Amino acid sequence: MLFAIMAQDVNDSLAKRLAARPEHLARLEALDAQGRLVLAGPHPLMDGQEGFSGSLIVADFDSFEQASAWADADPYVAAGAYDSVEIKPFKQVFPK
């Protein structure tokens, strides 16, 4: 089942993100290699400001518990870059 993992950053998260980015990307690359990653990326700040306000990951997990455990282990969580993380089931309509 697909799940959307929606994270909100803490203020001034850029340094925390940069420190944890290699490990964060490695986990996404592993999901992609397994054919489970639909999309992933950050939400840039508006008006040309440097940094990000959060992230969105859509991936296939066997259960909500598995998606939640994967999200809890994200290096951005450990680095304190995320203020909150919400996980919801996701139904992909397009592209087919």
Protein backbone atom coordinates (compact mmCIF):
# COMPACT_ATOMS: atom_id res chain seq x y z
CA MET A 1 0.00 0.00 0.00
CA LEU A 2 1.20 3.50 -0.76
CA PHE A 3 1.78 5.97 2.06
CA ALA A 4 2.50 9.69 1.98
CA ILE A 5 5.08 10.74 4.55
CA MET A 6 4.71 14.49 5.06
CA ALA A 7 7.28 16.22 7.23
CA GLN A 8 7.42 19.80 8.48
CA ASP A 9 10.83 21.30 9.19
CA VAL A 10 11.88 23.21 12.26
CA ASN A 11 12.87 26.83 11.65
CA ASP A 12 16.34 27.23 10.18
CA SER A 13 16.63 23.52 9.36
CA LEU A 14 19.11 23.83 6.50
CA ALA A 15 22.30 23.05 8.46
CA LYS A 16 20.64 20.04 10.10
CA ARG A 17 19.42 18.81 6.71
CA LEU A 18 22.84 19.20 5.10
CA ALA A 19 24.53 17.24 7.91
CA ALA A 20 22.10 14.31 7.56
CA ARG A 21 21.53 14.47 3.80
CA PRO A 22 23.88 11.67 2.66
CA GLU A 23 22.22 9.12 4.98
CA HIS A 24 18.74 10.43 4.13
CA LEU A 25 19.40 10.04 0.39
CA ALA A 26 20.89 6.56 0.87
CA ARG A 27 17.64 5.37 2.46
CA LEU A 28 15.61 6.84 -0.42
CA GLU A 29 17.93 5.23 -2.95
CA ALA A 30 17.41 1.87 -1.23
CA LEU A 31 13.60 2.27 -1.46
CA ASP A 32 13.97 3.22 -5.13
CA ALA A 33 16.19 0.20 -5.85
CA GLN A 34 13.50 -2.01 -4.30
CA GLY A 35 10.88 -0.48 -6.62
CA ARG A 36 8.96 0.98 -3.67
CA LEU A 37 9.58 4.73 -4.09
CA VAL A 38 6.99 6.71 -6.06
CA LEU A 39 8.38 10.20 -5.39
CA ALA A 40 10.35 12.17 -2.85
CA GLY A 41 11.49 15.73 -2.43
CA PRO A 42 11.63 18.81 -0.23
CA HIS A 43 9.38 21.87 -0.10
CA PRO A 44 11.62 24.90 -0.81
CA LEU A 45 10.93 28.08 1.09
CA MET A 46 8.98 30.75 -0.79
CA ASP A 47 10.26 34.01 -2.26
CA GLY A 48 13.78 32.81 -3.01
CA GLN A 49 14.66 32.20 0.63
CA GLU A 50 17.35 29.61 1.26
CA GLY A 51 16.19 26.39 2.90
CA PHE A 52 13.16 24.17 3.12
CA SER A 53 9.87 23.98 5.00
CA GLY A 54 9.40 20.22 4.82
CA SER A 55 9.44 17.09 2.69
CA LEU A 56 7.09 14.69 0.93
CA ILE A 57 7.82 11.02 0.33
CA VAL A 58 5.35 8.62 -1.30
CA ALA A 59 6.37 4.99 -1.08
CA ASP A 60 5.03 1.47 -0.90
CA PHE A 61 5.02 -0.21 2.52
CA ASP A 62 3.30 -3.38 3.73
CA SER A 63 1.53 -1.54 6.56
CA PHE A 64 1.12 1.77 8.34
CA GLU A 65 3.36 0.43 11.10
CA GLN A 66 6.14 -0.30 8.60
CA ALA A 67 5.81 3.17 7.03
CA SER A 68 5.83 4.74 10.48
CA ALA A 69 8.92 2.81 11.59
CA TRP A 70 10.72 3.77 8.37
CA ALA A 71 9.82 7.44 8.85
CA ASP A 72 10.85 7.39 12.52
CA ALA A 73 14.30 6.12 11.51
CA ASP A 74 14.89 8.94 9.00
CA PRO A 75 18.23 10.70 9.58
CA TYR A 76 16.44 14.07 9.35
CA VAL A 77 14.38 13.05 12.39
CA ALA A 78 17.52 12.10 14.32
CA ALA A 79 19.21 15.35 13.27
CA GLY A 80 16.27 17.43 14.54
CA ALA A 81 15.47 18.86 11.09
CA TYR A 82 11.82 17.82 11.27
CA ASP A 83 9.34 19.38 13.69
CA SER A 84 6.61 16.86 12.86
CA VAL A 85 5.89 13.94 10.55
CA GLU A 86 2.45 12.84 9.39
CA ILE A 87 1.77 9.58 7.55
CA LYS A 88 -1.36 8.87 5.56
CA PRO A 89 -2.41 6.18 3.10
CA PHE A 90 -2.09 7.46 -0.46
CA LYS A 91 -4.02 6.47 -3.57
CA GLN A 92 -2.14 7.19 -6.79
CA VAL A 93 -4.51 8.17 -9.59
CA PHE A 94 -2.05 9.75 -12.06
CA PRO A 95 0.19 8.86 -13.67
CA LYS A 96 -1.18 5.39 -14.08
